């Protein structure tokens, strides 16, 4: 399949060098499509004035890149997508390969003595050195959930002394071994990971979820920056060869500094059920206890019970079930495969410093909310009713939209006479934009919430649970709205009796309000 255009719009950060035309080819990642790809290049290159020697170089580069992506990026798996785009400019031809194979770190090319697909570490040479010698510029670009690109530039009749930026050394994994091959786990140690190991975290995410997790997880440079800046503390199980085979991150909540989040849990398929994941979580939970925070959250997937069981084993308790909070293309790979609907998350909480909570519990959900507080070991008392002055709209209500997951979060710090007006306005805008999921977090430590909960339920929202210290260190009641068709409740797997009780309550509330 091809697509042609006479107007080329370069991607952000990528110079177009006067591009005048572009053409794209799409193939399944299979060697049988290499000859037609080379044939297209062989017909295009002479028309652009390249010599026989230059055409031979271009064909070599295309062939090596094509095979590297199939064998190393995708591990030889059939049917995965691959596109090749030819961008023609007066001074150069750019060939861009776009694929969604396993991430790796180009910076490790000259840093290791032996190649390894597992660590993403490669010596100079193999197929990539042939590509570098055949073109004038080579560059890898990570695109997050969208995969990555290999960009090759060949100058057209370059003037003496002209050149593009110095070539960037890079490489592709050199082992075509399938991820699912069961090998005996190697000895490992659990330690904090350095920013230089960020690419290995991206690779573990790919092994666990493909390219269906959060966008930033597949951008090693962003992960490395978060680690360097202290926004993310990563712990990993590392073998003697330096391979990271398991990972859990610790992050201070951006909306509530009193709690920390445990997340980004990834495990190499060969190390499942080996005790690795438990060992990493032990280290991470112990670290959380040393930070002096009030509590810790662990967001466990509802698509399978395994991460929930990990949370339960460390004393975490379900407190909220946020339906459809992840993209519909979530893929658990060889664990259970794709879910084929938006994935849900069961929020678990661990009280590290239990303190009595003074809250205003809405009467409709009082029994369930008190049960949740009892489950997580937090005593509660009624907050005295005090009049609350209504602040400016931008200070009492905050919205944040996640474009990748098409969901909106509305945080309401103060309830006042204008609350319904602002909530109605924010919700209407979300409905118009066809947002799939809306979560509203209400400050339980504010005034009476009965009228606000009744209003939200009249608009289609229903109960999700509570989050201690969920809004600027204040406890939050979570209400949710699903703008989805054919949501399959049977795909939610709950691993604990209290979690099942909460899930049944949420399901009954949805049925009460919507008759479903």
Protein backbone atom coordinates (compact mmCIF):
# COMPACT_ATOMS: atom_id res chain seq x y z
CA UNK A 1 0.00 0.00 0.00
CA UNK A 2 1.31 3.45 -0.82
CA UNK A 3 0.35 6.99 0.02
CA UNK A 4 1.65 10.00 -1.86
CA UNK A 5 1.53 13.71 -1.12
CA UNK A 6 3.06 16.81 -2.65
CA UNK A 7 2.97 18.69 0.64
CA UNK A 8 5.15 17.35 3.40
CA UNK A 9 4.65 18.46 6.99
CA UNK A 10 7.73 17.55 9.02
CA UNK A 11 7.29 16.11 12.49
CA UNK A 12 8.06 18.38 15.45
CA UNK A 13 11.79 18.67 15.94
CA UNK A 14 12.62 17.12 12.56
CA UNK A 15 13.97 19.50 9.89
CA UNK A 16 12.37 19.06 6.49
CA UNK A 17 15.34 20.45 4.50
CA UNK A 18 12.96 21.72 1.84
CA UNK A 19 10.97 18.49 1.40
CA UNK A 20 8.80 18.53 -1.71
CA UNK A 21 7.21 15.06 -1.79
CA UNK A 22 6.69 11.95 0.29
CA UNK A 23 5.57 8.39 -0.31
CA UNK A 24 4.82 5.69 2.28
CA UNK A 25 4.69 1.91 2.03
CA UNK A 26 3.03 -0.38 4.57
CA UNK A 27 3.90 -4.05 5.02
CA UNK A 28 3.49 -6.85 7.52
CA UNK A 29 6.95 -7.36 9.02
CA UNK A 30 7.88 -10.37 6.90
CA UNK A 31 10.90 -11.06 4.70
CA UNK A 32 8.69 -11.82 1.69
CA UNK A 33 7.98 -8.07 1.42
CA UNK A 34 11.64 -7.10 1.21
CA UNK A 35 11.93 -7.57 -2.61
CA UNK A 36 9.00 -5.21 -3.43
CA UNK A 37 10.39 -2.63 -0.98
CA UNK A 38 13.80 -2.81 -2.69
CA UNK A 39 12.14 -2.68 -6.10
CA UNK A 40 10.38 0.55 -5.19
CA UNK A 41 13.63 2.10 -3.99
CA UNK A 42 15.42 0.80 -7.09
CA UNK A 43 12.92 2.59 -9.31
CA UNK A 44 12.87 5.81 -7.27
CA UNK A 45 16.60 6.34 -6.67
CA UNK A 46 17.72 6.71 -10.34
CA UNK A 47 15.02 9.34 -10.90
CA UNK A 48 16.56 11.34 -8.04
CA UNK A 49 19.99 11.32 -9.69
CA UNK A 50 21.76 8.80 -7.48
CA UNK A 51 24.67 6.91 -9.05
CA UNK A 52 24.82 3.11 -9.35
CA UNK A 53 27.17 3.00 -6.35
CA UNK A 54 24.85 5.21 -4.26
CA UNK A 55 21.82 3.12 -5.25
CA UNK A 56 23.66 -0.01 -4.13
CA UNK A 57 24.39 1.67 -0.78
CA UNK A 58 20.74 2.65 -0.36
CA UNK A 59 19.53 -0.86 -1.16
CA UNK A 60 21.99 -2.30 1.35
CA UNK A 61 20.78 0.12 4.04
CA UNK A 62 17.13 -0.66 3.34
CA UNK A 63 17.71 -4.41 3.37
CA UNK A 64 19.69 -4.38 6.63
CA UNK A 65 17.14 -2.13 8.36
CA UNK A 66 14.22 -4.22 7.11
CA UNK A 67 15.75 -7.48 8.36
CA UNK A 68 16.91 -5.97 11.68
CA UNK A 69 13.39 -4.78 12.47
CA UNK A 70 11.85 -8.17 11.67
CA UNK A 71 14.42 -10.33 13.42
CA UNK A 72 15.40 -8.15 16.37
CA UNK A 73 12.75 -5.50 16.89
CA UNK A 74 9.88 -7.98 16.59
CA UNK A 75 11.82 -11.12 17.53
CA UNK A 76 10.86 -12.76 14.24
CA UNK A 77 7.16 -12.65 15.06
CA UNK A 78 4.94 -12.61 11.94
CA UNK A 79 2.31 -10.08 10.96
CA UNK A 80 3.52 -7.05 12.91
CA UNK A 81 3.19 -3.69 11.11
CA UNK A 82 6.06 -1.89 9.40
CA UNK A 83 5.97 1.29 7.33
CA UNK A 84 8.68 2.83 5.15
CA UNK A 85 8.38 6.50 4.19
CA UNK A 86 10.50 8.14 1.49
CA UNK A 87 10.79 11.91 1.91
CA UNK A 88 12.31 13.71 -1.08
CA UNK A 89 14.02 17.07 -0.70
CA UNK A 90 16.23 19.02 -3.12
CA UNK A 91 19.37 18.08 -1.20
CA UNK A 92 18.55 14.67 0.29
CA UNK A 93 16.43 11.55 0.45
CA UNK A 94 15.19 10.46 3.89
CA UNK A 95 14.00 6.89 4.43
CA UNK A 96 12.02 6.47 7.67
CA UNK A 97 11.19 3.06 9.09
CA UNK A 98 8.35 3.14 11.62
CA UNK A 99 7.70 0.07 13.78
CA UNK A 100 6.44 -0.97 17.21
CA UNK A 101 9.10 -3.45 18.25
CA UNK A 102 10.91 -3.68 21.57
CA UNK A 103 12.65 -0.45 22.74
CA UNK A 104 16.41 -0.31 23.22
CA UNK A 105 19.11 2.18 24.11
CA UNK A 106 21.21 3.42 21.13
CA UNK A 107 23.74 4.87 23.58
CA UNK A 108 24.89 1.41 24.62
CA UNK A 109 26.42 0.55 21.25
CA UNK A 110 30.03 0.82 22.35
CA UNK A 111 29.59 0.14 26.06
CA UNK A 112 29.39 -3.64 26.25
CA UNK A 113 31.59 -6.50 25.15
CA UNK A 114 28.82 -8.94 24.21
CA UNK A 115 25.55 -8.35 22.36
CA UNK A 116 22.27 -9.09 24.15
CA UNK A 117 18.70 -8.60 23.03
CA UNK A 118 17.59 -8.72 26.68
CA UNK A 119 19.70 -5.76 27.80
CA UNK A 120 19.66 -3.85 24.53
CA UNK A 121 23.47 -3.77 24.56
CA UNK A 122 25.35 -4.19 21.28
CA UNK A 123 28.90 -3.80 19.99
CA UNK A 124 29.56 -1.79 16.85
CA UNK A 125 29.05 -3.81 13.69
CA UNK A 126 26.42 -6.40 12.91
CA UNK A 127 23.90 -5.00 10.41
CA UNK A 128 23.81 -1.46 11.75
CA UNK A 129 27.42 -0.65 10.88
CA UNK A 130 26.66 -1.49 7.25
CA UNK A 131 23.73 0.92 7.34
CA UNK A 132 25.86 3.68 8.85
CA UNK A 133 28.51 3.31 6.18
CA UNK A 134 25.88 3.38 3.43
CA UNK A 135 24.10 6.62 4.41
CA UNK A 136 25.08 10.11 5.54
CA UNK A 137 22.98 10.22 8.70
CA UNK A 138 21.24 7.62 10.86
CA UNK A 139 19.00 8.33 13.82
CA UNK A 140 16.65 6.44 16.15
CA UNK A 141 13.65 8.33 17.55
CA UNK A 142 11.45 6.90 20.35
CA UNK A 143 7.78 7.86 19.97
CA UNK A 144 6.30 6.44 23.19
CA UNK A 145 3.21 4.27 22.63
CA UNK A 146 3.51 4.98 18.90
CA UNK A 147 6.73 2.94 18.71
CA UNK A 148 9.99 4.19 17.25
CA UNK A 149 11.54 5.31 13.98
CA UNK A 150 14.83 4.67 12.23
CA UNK A 151 15.64 7.64 9.96
CA UNK A 152 18.25 7.29 7.23
CA UNK A 153 19.42 10.28 5.19
CA UNK A 154 21.31 10.11 1.89
CA UNK A 155 22.54 13.37 0.37
CA UNK A 156 21.72 14.15 -3.26
CA UNK A 157 24.84 15.58 -5.01
CA UNK A 158 26.30 17.09 -1.81
CA UNK A 159 28.67 20.01 -2.28
CA UNK A 160 32.25 19.72 -1.02
CA UNK A 161 32.38 20.06 2.76
CA UNK A 162 28.61 19.78 3.16
CA UNK A 163 27.29 17.34 5.69
CA UNK A 164 24.39 16.75 8.00
CA UNK A 165 24.83 16.24 11.70
CA UNK A 166 27.43 13.67 12.67
CA UNK A 167 26.05 10.11 12.47
CA UNK A 168 24.47 8.81 15.66
CA UNK A 169 25.77 5.37 16.60
CA UNK A 170 22.90 3.01 17.16
CA UNK A 171 21.96 -0.63 16.91
CA UNK A 172 19.14 -3.12 17.06
CA UNK A 173 18.73 -6.20 19.27
CA UNK A 174 20.70 -9.11 17.84
CA UNK A 175 18.79 -12.07 19.18
CA UNK A 176 15.68 -13.44 17.51
CA UNK A 177 14.85 -15.63 20.50
CA UNK A 178 11.16 -15.48 21.40
CA UNK A 179 10.31 -13.79 24.69
CA UNK A 180 8.20 -16.72 25.73
CA UNK A 181 11.08 -19.22 25.72
CA UNK A 182 11.40 -20.54 29.27
CA UNK A 183 14.93 -20.43 30.62
CA UNK A 184 16.25 -21.05 34.12
CA UNK A 185 16.29 -17.67 35.94
CA UNK A 186 19.75 -16.32 36.66
CA UNK A 187 20.88 -15.00 40.07
CA UNK A 188 19.98 -11.36 40.64
CA UNK A 189 20.20 -8.50 43.11
CA UNK A 190 17.53 -5.90 43.88
CA UNK A 191 18.80 -2.33 43.85
CA UNK A 192 17.92 1.21 42.86
CA UNK A 193 18.29 1.79 39.14
CA UNK A 194 20.29 4.63 37.60
CA UNK A 195 19.01 6.93 34.88
CA UNK A 196 21.34 5.18 32.42
CA UNK A 197 19.22 2.03 32.83
CA UNK A 198 15.98 3.74 31.75
CA UNK A 199 15.95 2.00 28.36
CA UNK A 200 15.80 -1.38 30.09
CA UNK A 201 12.65 -0.25 31.93
CA UNK A 202 11.10 0.62 28.55
CA UNK A 203 12.05 -2.81 27.25
CA UNK A 204 10.42 -4.55 30.22
CA UNK A 205 7.25 -2.52 29.66
CA UNK A 206 7.21 -3.68 26.04
CA UNK A 207 7.65 -7.31 27.11
CA UNK A 208 4.75 -7.00 29.58
CA UNK A 209 2.31 -4.77 27.70
CA UNK A 210 3.59 -4.23 24.18
CA UNK A 211 3.09 -0.53 23.39
CA UNK A 212 -0.15 -0.21 25.37
CA UNK A 213 1.08 1.26 28.68
CA UNK A 214 1.51 4.97 29.47
CA UNK A 215 3.23 6.90 26.68
CA UNK A 216 6.24 8.13 28.69
CA UNK A 217 7.20 4.56 29.66
CA UNK A 218 8.43 3.96 26.11
CA UNK A 219 10.59 7.08 26.01
CA UNK A 220 13.84 6.23 27.84
CA UNK A 221 15.00 9.83 27.76
CA UNK A 222 11.89 10.95 29.69
CA UNK A 223 12.24 8.15 32.22
CA UNK A 224 15.93 8.99 32.67
CA UNK A 225 15.04 12.64 33.33
CA UNK A 226 12.44 11.68 35.94
CA UNK A 227 14.98 9.47 37.74
CA UNK A 228 17.68 12.16 37.66
CA UNK A 229 15.28 14.80 38.99
CA UNK A 230 14.09 12.56 41.84
CA UNK A 231 10.50 12.42 40.61
CA UNK A 232 10.81 8.67 40.15
CA UNK A 233 12.73 6.17 42.25
CA UNK A 234 13.15 2.94 40.32
CA UNK A 235 14.00 -0.41 41.83
CA UNK A 236 14.96 -3.37 39.72
CA UNK A 237 16.14 -6.95 39.85
CA UNK A 238 19.47 -6.98 38.02
CA UNK A 239 21.39 -10.08 36.92
CA UNK A 240 25.18 -10.40 37.03
CA UNK A 241 25.28 -9.50 33.33
CA UNK A 242 23.53 -6.18 34.03
CA UNK A 243 20.15 -7.17 32.63
CA UNK A 244 17.14 -5.66 34.43
CA UNK A 245 14.53 -8.44 34.68
CA UNK A 246 11.98 -6.79 36.96
CA UNK A 247 10.97 -3.26 37.93
CA UNK A 248 8.78 -1.27 40.33
CA UNK A 249 8.83 2.53 40.70
CA UNK A 250 8.11 4.77 43.65
CA UNK A 251 6.66 8.21 42.92
CA UNK A 252 5.49 10.99 45.22
CA UNK A 253 1.91 11.79 44.28
CA UNK A 254 1.82 15.07 42.31
CA UNK A 255 -1.60 15.93 43.75
CA UNK A 256 -0.96 14.76 47.32
CA UNK A 257 2.59 14.86 48.71
CA UNK A 258 1.43 13.00 51.83
CA UNK A 259 1.29 9.72 49.89
CA UNK A 260 3.46 7.82 47.43
CA UNK A 261 2.54 5.70 44.44
CA UNK A 262 3.94 2.25 43.70
CA UNK A 263 3.67 1.53 40.01
CA UNK A 264 5.29 0.67 36.68
CA UNK A 265 5.54 -2.96 37.75
CA UNK A 266 7.09 -5.00 34.94
CA UNK A 267 8.60 -8.48 34.98
CA UNK A 268 10.53 -10.39 32.34
CA UNK A 269 8.37 -13.37 31.24
CA UNK A 270 11.19 -15.78 32.08
CA UNK A 271 11.20 -14.56 35.71
CA UNK A 272 7.48 -14.85 36.45
CA UNK A 273 6.64 -16.91 39.54
CA UNK A 274 10.31 -16.91 40.53
CA UNK A 275 9.99 -14.58 43.53
CA UNK A 276 11.62 -11.68 41.67
CA UNK A 277 8.57 -9.44 41.68
CA UNK A 278 7.97 -10.02 45.37
CA UNK A 279 11.59 -9.18 46.18
CA UNK A 280 11.39 -5.89 44.28
CA UNK A 281 8.14 -4.95 46.00
CA UNK A 282 9.62 -5.74 49.42
CA UNK A 283 12.41 -3.27 48.73
CA UNK A 284 10.02 -0.65 47.35
CA UNK A 285 7.53 -0.88 50.23
CA UNK A 286 10.40 -0.69 52.74
CA UNK A 287 11.66 2.45 51.01
CA UNK A 288 8.16 3.97 51.15
CA UNK A 289 8.09 3.39 54.90
CA UNK A 290 11.32 5.36 55.30
CA UNK A 291 9.95 8.47 53.57
CA UNK A 292 7.70 9.54 56.44
CA UNK A 293 4.57 9.71 54.28
CA UNK A 294 1.07 8.92 55.51
CA UNK A 295 0.41 6.07 53.12
CA UNK A 296 1.10 4.37 49.81
CA UNK A 297 -1.02 3.50 46.79
CA UNK A 298 -0.69 0.57 44.44
CA UNK A 299 -2.79 0.57 41.27
CA UNK A 300 -3.44 -3.09 40.41
CA UNK A 301 -4.90 -4.11 37.08
CA UNK A 302 -8.36 -5.68 37.11
CA UNK A 303 -7.69 -7.69 33.96
CA UNK A 304 -5.98 -10.44 35.96
CA UNK A 305 -5.52 -11.13 39.70
CA UNK A 306 -1.71 -11.35 39.87
CA UNK A 307 -0.80 -7.74 40.69
CA UNK A 308 -3.73 -7.59 43.13
CA UNK A 309 -2.31 -10.58 44.98
CA UNK A 310 1.04 -8.83 45.23
CA UNK A 311 -0.68 -5.79 46.77
CA UNK A 312 -2.65 -7.91 49.23
CA UNK A 313 0.46 -9.81 50.32
CA UNK A 314 2.07 -6.52 51.39
CA UNK A 315 -0.92 -5.33 53.39
CA UNK A 316 -2.55 -3.11 50.78
CA UNK A 317 -6.36 -3.04 50.73
CA UNK A 318 -8.81 -2.18 47.91
CA UNK A 319 -10.42 1.22 48.37
CA UNK A 320 -11.54 2.25 44.87
CA UNK A 321 -12.24 0.62 41.49
CA UNK A 322 -11.75 2.99 38.56
CA UNK A 323 -13.46 1.42 35.57
CA UNK A 324 -11.98 1.85 32.11
CA UNK A 325 -9.01 3.91 33.24
CA UNK A 326 -6.62 2.47 30.65
CA UNK A 327 -6.73 2.41 26.87
CA UNK A 328 -8.78 -0.29 25.11
CA UNK A 329 -5.69 -1.70 23.39
CA UNK A 330 -4.11 -2.86 26.68
CA UNK A 331 -2.26 -6.08 25.91
CA UNK A 332 -0.93 -8.42 28.60
CA UNK A 333 1.03 -10.33 25.97
CA UNK A 334 1.54 -14.02 26.76
CA UNK A 335 0.08 -13.64 30.28
CA UNK A 336 -3.58 -13.35 29.23
CA UNK A 337 -3.33 -11.55 25.89
CA UNK A 338 -5.28 -8.43 24.83
CA UNK A 339 -8.29 -7.45 26.93
CA UNK A 340 -10.26 -5.97 23.99
CA UNK A 341 -11.91 -3.31 26.12
CA UNK A 342 -10.75 -0.43 28.32
CA UNK A 343 -8.79 -1.84 31.24
CA UNK A 344 -9.88 -1.08 34.81
CA UNK A 345 -7.72 -0.47 37.87
CA UNK A 346 -8.32 -1.53 41.48
CA UNK A 347 -6.74 1.07 43.74
CA UNK A 348 -5.12 -0.42 46.86
CA UNK A 349 -4.01 1.64 49.87
CA UNK A 350 -1.56 0.96 52.70
CA UNK A 351 -1.79 3.22 55.77
CA UNK A 352 1.78 3.81 56.96
CA UNK A 353 0.76 6.37 59.60
CA UNK A 354 -2.88 5.72 60.54
CA UNK A 355 -4.62 8.84 61.81
CA UNK A 356 -8.28 9.52 62.50
CA UNK A 357 -10.01 11.11 59.50
CA UNK A 358 -12.60 13.86 60.01
CA UNK A 359 -14.88 13.62 57.00
CA UNK A 360 -18.33 14.54 55.73
CA UNK A 361 -19.73 11.24 54.45
CA UNK A 362 -22.72 11.48 52.07
CA UNK A 363 -25.63 9.52 53.53
CA UNK A 364 -26.28 7.52 50.35
CA UNK A 365 -22.90 5.77 50.55
CA UNK A 366 -22.17 6.07 54.27
CA UNK A 367 -22.23 2.35 55.04
CA UNK A 368 -19.83 1.42 52.23
CA UNK A 369 -17.47 4.32 52.88
CA UNK A 370 -17.23 3.42 56.56
CA UNK A 371 -16.53 -0.19 55.61
CA UNK A 372 -13.67 0.89 53.34
CA UNK A 373 -12.15 3.02 56.09
CA UNK A 374 -12.45 0.03 58.41
CA UNK A 375 -10.76 -2.26 55.86
CA UNK A 376 -7.73 0.00 55.52
CA UNK A 377 -7.48 0.65 59.26
CA UNK A 378 -8.34 4.36 59.39
CA UNK A 379 -10.77 5.49 62.15
CA UNK A 380 -13.26 8.15 61.05
CA UNK A 381 -15.31 10.83 62.76
CA UNK A 382 -17.91 13.26 61.46
CA UNK A 383 -16.53 16.63 60.45
CA UNK A 384 -18.27 19.58 62.09
CA UNK A 385 -20.50 21.44 59.69
CA UNK A 386 -19.00 24.83 59.02
CA UNK A 387 -20.02 27.30 56.34
CA UNK A 388 -17.57 27.37 53.44
CA UNK A 389 -16.95 30.54 51.46
CA UNK A 390 -17.02 29.84 47.73
CA UNK A 391 -13.65 30.72 46.19
CA UNK A 392 -12.98 31.63 42.58
CA UNK A 393 -13.84 28.84 40.10
CA UNK A 394 -10.23 28.16 39.14
CA UNK A 395 -9.25 27.59 42.75
CA UNK A 396 -11.98 25.17 43.83
CA UNK A 397 -12.18 22.99 40.72
CA UNK A 398 -9.28 21.60 38.72
CA UNK A 399 -9.48 19.49 35.56
CA UNK A 400 -6.83 17.40 33.84
CA UNK A 401 -7.27 15.56 30.54
CA UNK A 402 -5.26 12.50 29.50
CA UNK A 403 -5.28 12.52 25.69
CA UNK A 404 -3.62 9.12 25.29
CA UNK A 405 -6.28 7.38 27.43
CA UNK A 406 -9.11 9.82 26.53
CA UNK A 407 -10.15 10.39 30.13
CA UNK A 408 -10.85 13.47 32.24
CA UNK A 409 -10.21 13.93 35.97
CA UNK A 410 -12.07 16.69 37.84
CA UNK A 411 -10.80 17.52 41.34
CA UNK A 412 -13.22 19.50 43.52
CA UNK A 413 -11.57 21.04 46.57
CA UNK A 414 -14.50 23.11 47.87
CA UNK A 415 -18.25 22.66 47.53
CA UNK A 416 -20.32 25.82 47.30
CA UNK A 417 -23.47 27.18 45.70
CA UNK A 418 -21.84 27.38 42.28
CA UNK A 419 -20.46 23.82 42.39
CA UNK A 420 -23.22 22.32 40.26
CA UNK A 421 -22.79 25.03 37.62
CA UNK A 422 -19.08 24.40 37.24
CA UNK A 423 -19.41 20.62 37.34
CA UNK A 424 -22.16 20.77 34.71
CA UNK A 425 -19.99 22.98 32.49
CA UNK A 426 -16.91 20.75 32.79
CA UNK A 427 -18.95 17.60 32.17
CA UNK A 428 -20.74 19.07 29.15
CA UNK A 429 -17.44 19.96 27.51
CA UNK A 430 -16.21 16.42 28.08
CA UNK A 431 -19.38 14.94 26.59
CA UNK A 432 -19.03 17.15 23.52
CA UNK A 433 -15.45 15.98 23.02
CA UNK A 434 -16.59 12.36 23.35
CA UNK A 435 -14.35 11.68 26.35
CA UNK A 436 -14.64 7.99 27.29
CA UNK A 437 -14.17 8.24 31.06
CA UNK A 438 -14.71 11.02 33.61
CA UNK A 439 -13.66 10.79 37.25
CA UNK A 440 -14.77 13.38 39.82
CA UNK A 441 -12.84 13.54 43.10
CA UNK A 442 -14.77 15.29 45.88
CA UNK A 443 -13.06 16.53 49.04
CA UNK A 444 -14.50 14.42 51.87
CA UNK A 445 -13.06 16.85 54.41
CA UNK A 446 -15.16 19.70 53.03
CA UNK A 447 -18.78 20.61 53.75
CA UNK A 448 -21.89 18.44 53.23
CA UNK A 449 -21.58 16.44 49.99
CA UNK A 450 -25.13 15.06 49.81
CA UNK A 451 -26.45 17.56 47.27
CA UNK A 452 -23.34 17.31 45.09
CA UNK A 453 -23.43 13.49 45.02
CA UNK A 454 -27.14 13.58 44.19
CA UNK A 455 -26.47 16.02 41.35
CA UNK A 456 -23.63 13.92 39.92
CA UNK A 457 -25.77 10.80 40.03
CA UNK A 458 -28.50 12.66 38.14
CA UNK A 459 -25.89 13.31 35.44
CA UNK A 460 -24.95 9.64 35.11
CA UNK A 461 -22.04 9.40 37.57
CA UNK A 462 -21.85 6.53 40.07
CA UNK A 463 -19.75 5.45 43.03
CA UNK A 464 -16.13 4.28 42.57
CA UNK A 465 -14.67 4.38 46.11
CA UNK A 466 -12.48 6.61 48.24
CA UNK A 467 -8.85 7.71 48.13
CA UNK A 468 -7.24 8.72 51.45
CA UNK A 469 -5.18 11.88 50.93
CA UNK A 470 -6.42 11.84 47.32
CA UNK A 471 -6.75 15.63 46.81
CA UNK A 472 -4.01 17.86 48.15
CA UNK A 473 -3.64 15.59 51.20
CA UNK A 474 -7.41 15.55 51.77
CA UNK A 475 -9.48 12.35 51.54
CA UNK A 476 -11.47 12.05 48.33
CA UNK A 477 -14.75 10.45 47.32
CA UNK A 478 -14.46 9.20 43.73
CA UNK A 479 -17.42 9.24 41.34
CA UNK A 480 -17.12 7.96 37.77
CA UNK A 481 -18.87 8.21 34.42
CA UNK A 482 -18.50 5.67 31.60
CA UNK A 483 -19.18 6.94 28.10
CA UNK A 484 -18.77 3.43 26.69
CA UNK A 485 -20.88 0.89 24.87
CA UNK A 486 -20.91 -2.80 25.75
CA UNK A 487 -18.63 -2.62 28.78
CA UNK A 488 -18.05 -6.22 29.87
CA UNK A 489 -18.11 -6.44 33.66
CA UNK A 490 -17.17 -10.11 33.50
CA UNK A 491 -13.64 -9.19 32.36
CA UNK A 492 -12.91 -7.66 35.78
CA UNK A 493 -11.12 -10.15 38.01
CA UNK A 494 -11.08 -9.48 41.77
CA UNK A 495 -8.64 -11.30 44.04
CA UNK A 496 -9.98 -10.52 47.54
CA UNK A 497 -13.31 -10.78 49.40
CA UNK A 498 -13.31 -7.07 50.31
CA UNK A 499 -12.47 -6.18 46.73
CA UNK A 500 -15.36 -8.33 45.54
CA UNK A 501 -17.71 -6.63 48.01
CA UNK A 502 -16.66 -3.21 46.70
CA UNK A 503 -17.00 -4.36 43.09
CA UNK A 504 -20.50 -5.75 43.71
CA UNK A 505 -21.53 -2.48 45.38
CA UNK A 506 -20.29 -0.44 42.41
CA UNK A 507 -22.06 -2.73 39.96
CA UNK A 508 -25.31 -2.51 41.95
CA UNK A 509 -25.05 1.29 42.05
CA UNK A 510 -24.60 1.42 38.28
CA UNK A 511 -27.67 -0.78 37.87
CA UNK A 512 -29.70 1.32 40.35
CA UNK A 513 -28.97 4.53 38.51
CA UNK A 514 -29.09 3.30 34.93
CA UNK A 515 -31.17 0.15 35.07
CA UNK A 516 -28.37 -1.90 33.51
